[in-house]
């Protein structure tokens, strides 16, 4: 027989209120337009969770994925996040930035540490230097089981291989091989593993 403590009795109404508010916010997100939701992403993420908000905005997010609520999204045209695909059992740490000018694909079992930035384009905009530096754009693919360290920047047209490890504070401007470790500015291969992790 289960015995309810006084703490449980007092917390029960709070849980009901929280759940009710969460359902109301979720329904509100379905009604509101996507740019409005995206402009208040951190607020809605804290209320109903970033996974639900990203799905409402059109992103694909697999089950058992944990995303911290203070993620940042840029260049989602009209609030549409269909360029973002996140697999199963993925961890995305605090203050990660996703530039959705081109597709970003994160496969299963990937871990992104805090403040990782995925930048899919480089463009100075309508300014004098535009003649020297043309716009560059391309997708980012992070393959199964990869781990990217804190404060790392991954640039456009980069593939990070399966079970690759990228050290903290790196600049990834070229592909990283499967089962390897790389770090630095720019990122360089430092170790190649011969065995497959289980």
C-alpha atoms as a PDB file:
ATOM      1  CA  UNK A   1       0.000   0.000   0.000  1.00  0.00           C
ATOM      2  CA  UNK A   2       1.368   3.412  -1.036  1.00  0.00           C
ATOM      3  CA  UNK A   3       1.530   6.110   1.638  1.00  0.00           C
ATOM      4  CA  UNK A   4       1.344   9.749   0.499  1.00  0.00           C
ATOM      5  CA  UNK A   5       3.583  12.158   2.369  1.00  0.00           C
ATOM      6  CA  UNK A   6       2.607  15.759   3.094  1.00  0.00           C
ATOM      7  CA  UNK A   7       5.101  16.852   0.460  1.00  0.00           C
ATOM      8  CA  UNK A   8       3.317  14.786  -2.204  1.00  0.00           C
ATOM      9  CA  UNK A   9      -0.072  16.199  -1.160  1.00  0.00           C
ATOM     10  CA  UNK A  10       1.188  19.779  -1.544  1.00  0.00           C
ATOM     11  CA  UNK A  11       3.069  19.123  -4.805  1.00  0.00           C
ATOM     12  CA  UNK A  12       0.180  17.332  -6.534  1.00  0.00           C
ATOM     13  CA  UNK A  13      -1.817  20.527  -7.366  1.00  0.00           C
ATOM     14  CA  UNK A  14       1.374  22.171  -8.638  1.00  0.00           C
ATOM     15  CA  UNK A  15       1.981  19.238 -10.996  1.00  0.00           C
ATOM     16  CA  UNK A  16      -1.616  19.467 -12.288  1.00  0.00           C
ATOM     17  CA  UNK A  17      -1.263  23.225 -12.883  1.00  0.00           C
ATOM     18  CA  UNK A  18       2.080  22.759 -14.667  1.00  0.00           C
ATOM     19  CA  UNK A  19       0.686  20.048 -16.913  1.00  0.00           C
ATOM     20  CA  UNK A  20      -2.406  22.129 -17.742  1.00  0.00           C
ATOM     21  CA  UNK A  21      -0.281  25.175 -18.574  1.00  0.00           C
ATOM     22  CA  UNK A  22       2.017  22.990 -20.702  1.00  0.00           C
ATOM     23  CA  UNK A  23      -0.944  21.656 -22.727  1.00  0.00           C
ATOM     24  CA  UNK A  24      -2.323  25.192 -23.183  1.00  0.00           C
ATOM     25  CA  UNK A  25       1.049  26.511 -24.390  1.00  0.00           C
ATOM     26  CA  UNK A  26       1.378  23.563 -26.785  1.00  0.00           C
ATOM     27  CA  UNK A  27      -2.079  24.312 -28.250  1.00  0.00           C
ATOM     28  CA  UNK A  28      -1.163  28.004 -28.485  1.00  0.00           C
ATOM     29  CA  UNK A  29       1.995  27.084 -30.439  1.00  0.00           C
ATOM     30  CA  UNK A  30      -0.118  25.153 -32.952  1.00  0.00           C
ATOM     31  CA  UNK A  31      -2.317  28.216 -33.492  1.00  0.00           C
ATOM     32  CA  UNK A  32       0.419  30.876 -33.668  1.00  0.00           C
ATOM     33  CA  UNK A  33       2.520  31.385 -36.781  1.00  0.00           C
ATOM     34  CA  UNK A  34       6.020  29.884 -36.939  1.00  0.00           C
ATOM     35  CA  UNK A  35       8.068  33.142 -37.029  1.00  0.00           C
ATOM     36  CA  UNK A  36       6.320  34.288 -33.834  1.00  0.00           C
ATOM     37  CA  UNK A  37       7.138  31.000 -32.066  1.00  0.00           C
ATOM     38  CA  UNK A  38      10.744  31.047 -33.304  1.00  0.00           C
ATOM     39  CA  UNK A  39      11.254  34.605 -32.038  1.00  0.00           C
ATOM     40  CA  UNK A  40      10.300  33.349 -28.556  1.00  0.00           C
ATOM     41  CA  UNK A  41      11.931  29.932 -28.859  1.00  0.00           C
ATOM     42  CA  UNK A  42      13.564  29.929 -25.419  1.00  0.00           C
ATOM     43  CA  UNK A  43      10.292  30.872 -23.695  1.00  0.00           C
ATOM     44  CA  UNK A  44       8.220  28.141 -25.351  1.00  0.00           C
ATOM     45  CA  UNK A  45      11.064  25.636 -24.986  1.00  0.00           C
ATOM     46  CA  UNK A  46      11.032  26.106 -21.223  1.00  0.00           C
ATOM     47  CA  UNK A  47       7.251  25.645 -21.062  1.00  0.00           C
ATOM     48  CA  UNK A  48       6.693  22.630 -23.303  1.00  0.00           C
ATOM     49  CA  UNK A  49      10.230  21.473 -24.103  1.00  0.00           C
ATOM     50  CA  UNK A  50      12.504  22.193 -27.071  1.00  0.00           C
ATOM     51  CA  UNK A  51      11.771  18.861 -28.772  1.00  0.00           C
ATOM     52  CA  UNK A  52       8.040  19.633 -28.999  1.00  0.00           C
ATOM     53  CA  UNK A  53       8.659  23.200 -30.186  1.00  0.00           C
ATOM     54  CA  UNK A  54      11.100  22.076 -32.891  1.00  0.00           C
ATOM     55  CA  UNK A  55       8.601  19.477 -34.117  1.00  0.00           C
ATOM     56  CA  UNK A  56       5.885  22.142 -34.287  1.00  0.00           C
ATOM     57  CA  UNK A  57       8.292  24.253 -36.371  1.00  0.00           C
ATOM     58  CA  UNK A  58       8.813  21.369 -38.816  1.00  0.00           C
ATOM     59  CA  UNK A  59      12.079  19.803 -37.583  1.00  0.00           C
ATOM     60  CA  UNK A  60      12.449  16.032 -37.366  1.00  0.00           C
ATOM     61  CA  UNK A  61      13.500  14.926 -33.871  1.00  0.00           C
ATOM     62  CA  UNK A  62      13.842  11.277 -32.913  1.00  0.00           C
ATOM     63  CA  UNK A  63      12.811   9.645 -29.633  1.00  0.00           C
ATOM     64  CA  UNK A  64      14.975   9.671 -26.479  1.00  0.00           C
ATOM     65  CA  UNK A  65      16.643  12.886 -27.606  1.00  0.00           C
ATOM     66  CA  UNK A  66      17.483  15.510 -24.995  1.00  0.00           C
ATOM     67  CA  UNK A  67      17.852  19.145 -26.061  1.00  0.00           C
ATOM     68  CA  UNK A  68      18.597  21.934 -23.598  1.00  0.00           C
ATOM     69  CA  UNK A  69      15.931  24.678 -23.773  1.00  0.00           C
ATOM     70  CA  UNK A  70      18.298  27.555 -24.612  1.00  0.00           C
ATOM     71  CA  UNK A  71      19.195  26.470 -28.153  1.00  0.00           C
ATOM     72  CA  UNK A  72      19.462  29.102 -30.885  1.00  0.00           C
ATOM     73  CA  UNK A  73      18.106  28.872 -34.431  1.00  0.00           C
ATOM     74  CA  UNK A  74      19.145  31.205 -37.256  1.00  0.00           C
ATOM     75  CA  UNK A  75      18.062  31.541 -40.885  1.00  0.00           C
ATOM     76  CA  UNK A  76      14.924  29.454 -40.590  1.00  0.00           C
ATOM     77  CA  UNK A  77      12.936  31.020 -43.415  1.00  0.00           C
ATOM     78  CA  UNK A  78       9.461  32.004 -42.166  1.00  0.00           C
ATOM     79  CA  UNK A  79      10.159  30.086 -38.969  1.00  0.00           C
ATOM     80  CA  UNK A  80      10.362  26.788 -40.849  1.00  0.00           C
ATOM     81  CA  UNK A  81      12.862  24.336 -39.312  1.00  0.00           C
ATOM     82  CA  UNK A  82      12.499  21.527 -41.870  1.00  0.00           C
ATOM     83  CA  UNK A  83      16.236  21.833 -42.607  1.00  0.00           C
ATOM     84  CA  UNK A  84      16.956  20.334 -39.171  1.00  0.00           C
ATOM     85  CA  UNK A  85      16.941  16.546 -38.741  1.00  0.00           C
ATOM     86  CA  UNK A  86      17.942  15.044 -35.392  1.00  0.00           C
ATOM     87  CA  UNK A  87      18.042  11.301 -34.824  1.00  0.00           C
ATOM     88  CA  UNK A  88      17.391   9.092 -31.800  1.00  0.00           C
ATOM     89  CA  UNK A  89      19.163   9.260 -28.440  1.00  0.00           C
ATOM     90  CA  UNK A  90      20.930  12.541 -29.231  1.00  0.00           C
ATOM     91  CA  UNK A  91      22.175  15.012 -26.615  1.00  0.00           C
ATOM     92  CA  UNK A  92      22.351  18.720 -27.482  1.00  0.00           C
ATOM     93  CA  UNK A  93      23.925  20.858 -24.787  1.00  0.00           C
ATOM     94  CA  UNK A  94      23.243  24.426 -23.649  1.00  0.00           C
ATOM     95  CA  UNK A  95      23.463  27.387 -26.039  1.00  0.00           C
ATOM     96  CA  UNK A  96      24.044  25.375 -29.226  1.00  0.00           C
ATOM     97  CA  UNK A  97      23.496  27.341 -32.442  1.00  0.00           C
ATOM     98  CA  UNK A  98      21.911  25.926 -35.612  1.00  0.00           C
ATOM     99  CA  UNK A  99      22.175  27.907 -38.854  1.00  0.00           C
ATOM    100  CA  UNK A 100      19.433  26.481 -41.088  1.00  0.00           C
ATOM    101  CA  UNK A 101      20.330  28.214 -44.365  1.00  0.00           C
ATOM    102  CA  UNK A 102      21.175  24.660 -45.558  1.00  0.00           C
ATOM    103  CA  UNK A 103      20.220  21.268 -44.090  1.00  0.00           C
ATOM    104  CA  UNK A 104      21.747  20.037 -40.828  1.00  0.00           C
ATOM    105  CA  UNK A 105      21.517  16.294 -40.182  1.00  0.00           C
ATOM    106  CA  UNK A 106      22.468  14.804 -36.821  1.00  0.00           C
ATOM    107  CA  UNK A 107      22.325  11.014 -36.747  1.00  0.00           C
ATOM    108  CA  UNK A 108      21.593   8.677 -33.806  1.00  0.00           C
ATOM    109  CA  UNK A 109      23.639   8.666 -30.579  1.00  0.00           C
ATOM    110  CA  UNK A 110      25.429  11.965 -31.270  1.00  0.00           C
ATOM    111  CA  UNK A 111      26.472  14.261 -28.402  1.00  0.00           C
ATOM    112  CA  UNK A 112      26.945  18.008 -28.894  1.00  0.00           C
ATOM    113  CA  UNK A 113      28.516  19.712 -25.896  1.00  0.00           C
ATOM    114  CA  UNK A 114      27.658  23.244 -24.773  1.00  0.00           C
ATOM    115  CA  UNK A 115      27.898  26.160 -27.215  1.00  0.00           C
ATOM    116  CA  UNK A 116      28.566  24.109 -30.353  1.00  0.00           C
ATOM    117  CA  UNK A 117      27.790  26.165 -33.486  1.00  0.00           C
ATOM    118  CA  UNK A 118      26.754  24.545 -36.776  1.00  0.00           C
ATOM    119  CA  UNK A 119      27.150  27.193 -39.501  1.00  0.00           C
ATOM    120  CA  UNK A 120      25.861  26.222 -42.953  1.00  0.00           C
ATOM    121  CA  UNK A 121      26.679  29.422 -44.816  1.00  0.00           C
ATOM    122  CA  UNK A 122      29.133  32.318 -45.060  1.00  0.00           C
ATOM    123  CA  UNK A 123      27.809  35.559 -46.524  1.00  0.00           C
ATOM    124  CA  UNK A 124      28.750  39.164 -45.831  1.00  0.00           C
ATOM    125  CA  UNK A 125      25.452  40.368 -47.282  1.00  0.00           C
ATOM    126  CA  UNK A 126      24.888  43.416 -49.477  1.00  0.00           C
ATOM    127  CA  UNK A 127      28.146  45.211 -48.625  1.00  0.00           C
ATOM    128  CA  UNK A 128      31.276  46.300 -50.591  1.00  0.00           C
ATOM    129  CA  UNK A 129      33.243  43.147 -49.705  1.00  0.00           C
ATOM    130  CA  UNK A 130      30.587  41.015 -51.397  1.00  0.00           C
ATOM    131  CA  UNK A 131      32.565  41.348 -54.667  1.00  0.00           C
ATOM    132  CA  UNK A 132      35.595  39.668 -53.072  1.00  0.00           C
ATOM    133  CA  UNK A 133      33.806  37.104 -50.949  1.00  0.00           C
ATOM    134  CA  UNK A 134      30.957  35.294 -52.664  1.00  0.00           C
ATOM    135  CA  UNK A 135      28.327  33.509 -50.612  1.00  0.00           C
ATOM    136  CA  UNK A 136      29.238  29.939 -49.628  1.00  0.00           C
ATOM    137  CA  UNK A 137      26.629  27.488 -48.450  1.00  0.00           C
ATOM    138  CA  UNK A 138      26.244  23.776 -47.871  1.00  0.00           C
ATOM    139  CA  UNK A 139      24.856  21.085 -45.586  1.00  0.00           C
ATOM    140  CA  UNK A 140      26.371  19.703 -42.391  1.00  0.00           C
ATOM    141  CA  UNK A 141      26.206  15.986 -41.582  1.00  0.00           C
ATOM    142  CA  UNK A 142      27.154  14.595 -38.173  1.00  0.00           C
ATOM    143  CA  UNK A 143      27.128  10.830 -38.361  1.00  0.00           C
ATOM    144  CA  UNK A 144      26.177   8.219 -35.806  1.00  0.00           C
ATOM    145  CA  UNK A 145      27.876   8.239 -32.411  1.00  0.00           C
ATOM    146  CA  UNK A 146      30.034  11.339 -32.939  1.00  0.00           C
ATOM    147  CA  UNK A 147      30.932  13.602 -30.013  1.00  0.00           C
ATOM    148  CA  UNK A 148      31.689  17.308 -30.466  1.00  0.00           C
ATOM    149  CA  UNK A 149      33.393  19.238 -27.658  1.00  0.00           C
ATOM    150  CA  UNK A 150      32.509  22.548 -26.014  1.00  0.00           C
ATOM    151  CA  UNK A 151      32.676  25.800 -28.020  1.00  0.00           C
ATOM    152  CA  UNK A 152      33.388  24.054 -31.337  1.00  0.00           C
ATOM    153  CA  UNK A 153      32.377  25.606 -34.657  1.00  0.00           C
ATOM    154  CA  UNK A 154      31.457  23.351 -37.589  1.00  0.00           C
ATOM    155  CA  UNK A 155      31.354  25.097 -40.973  1.00  0.00           C
ATOM    156  CA  UNK A 156      29.337  24.442 -44.142  1.00  0.00           C
ATOM    157  CA  UNK A 157      29.921  21.381 -46.377  1.00  0.00           C
ATOM    158  CA  UNK A 158      31.419  19.336 -43.537  1.00  0.00           C
ATOM    159  CA  UNK A 159      30.759  15.699 -42.650  1.00  0.00           C
ATOM    160  CA  UNK A 160      31.840  14.407 -39.257  1.00  0.00           C
ATOM    161  CA  UNK A 161      32.231  10.644 -39.472  1.00  0.00           C
ATOM    162  CA  UNK A 162      30.796   7.858 -37.347  1.00  0.00           C
ATOM    163  CA  UNK A 163      32.143   7.718 -33.779  1.00  0.00           C
ATOM    164  CA  UNK A 164      34.468  10.649 -34.455  1.00  0.00           C
ATOM    165  CA  UNK A 165      35.524  12.884 -31.567  1.00  0.00           C
ATOM    166  CA  UNK A 166      36.145  16.608 -32.050  1.00  0.00           C
ATOM    167  CA  UNK A 167      37.986  18.314 -29.207  1.00  0.00           C
ATOM    168  CA  UNK A 168      36.800  21.447 -27.437  1.00  0.00           C
ATOM    169  CA  UNK A 169      37.208  24.897 -29.013  1.00  0.00           C
ATOM    170  CA  UNK A 170      37.930  23.534 -32.495  1.00  0.00           C
ATOM    171  CA  UNK A 171      37.143  24.975 -35.925  1.00  0.00           C
ATOM    172  CA  UNK A 172      35.958  22.192 -38.238  1.00  0.00           C
ATOM    173  CA  UNK A 173      36.311  23.337 -41.855  1.00  0.00           C
ATOM    174  CA  UNK A 174      36.942  19.918 -43.460  1.00  0.00           C
ATOM    175  CA  UNK A 175      35.540  16.406 -43.187  1.00  0.00           C
ATOM    176  CA  UNK A 176      36.496  14.274 -40.162  1.00  0.00           C
ATOM    177  CA  UNK A 177      37.046  10.544 -40.713  1.00  0.00           C
ATOM    178  CA  UNK A 178      35.098   7.764 -39.008  1.00  0.00           C
ATOM    179  CA  UNK A 179      36.553   6.497 -35.697  1.00  0.00           C
ATOM    180  CA  UNK A 180      39.032   9.350 -35.377  1.00  0.00           C
ATOM    181  CA  UNK A 181      39.916  12.113 -32.934  1.00  0.00           C
ATOM    182  CA  UNK A 182      40.586  15.640 -34.163  1.00  0.00           C
ATOM    183  CA  UNK A 183      40.932  19.081 -32.650  1.00  0.00           C
ATOM    184  CA  UNK A 184      42.477  22.504 -33.202  1.00  0.00           C
ATOM    185  CA  UNK A 185      42.036  25.680 -35.248  1.00  0.00           C
ATOM    186  CA  UNK A 186      41.710  24.522 -37.951  1.00  0.00           C
ATOM    187  CA  UNK A 187      40.769  21.002 -36.845  1.00  0.00           C
ATOM    188  CA  UNK A 188      43.416  18.322 -37.532  1.00  0.00           C
ATOM    189  CA  UNK A 189      43.472  14.565 -37.162  1.00  0.00           C
ATOM    190  CA  UNK A 190      45.382  13.487 -34.032  1.00  0.00           C
ATOM    191  CA  UNK A 191      44.356   9.839 -33.631  1.00  0.00           C
ATOM    192  CA  UNK A 192      42.729   7.078 -35.674  1.00  0.00           C
ATOM    193  CA  UNK A 193      40.974   4.272 -33.780  1.00  0.00           C
ATOM    194  CA  UNK A 194      41.018   0.769 -35.236  1.00  0.00           C
ATOM    195  CA  UNK A 195      38.203  -0.737 -33.166  1.00  0.00           C
ATOM    196  CA  UNK A 196      34.466  -0.028 -33.363  1.00  0.00           C
ATOM    197  CA  UNK A 197      32.803   1.122 -30.127  1.00  0.00           C
ATOM    198  CA  UNK A 198      29.989  -1.142 -28.946  1.00  0.00           C
END
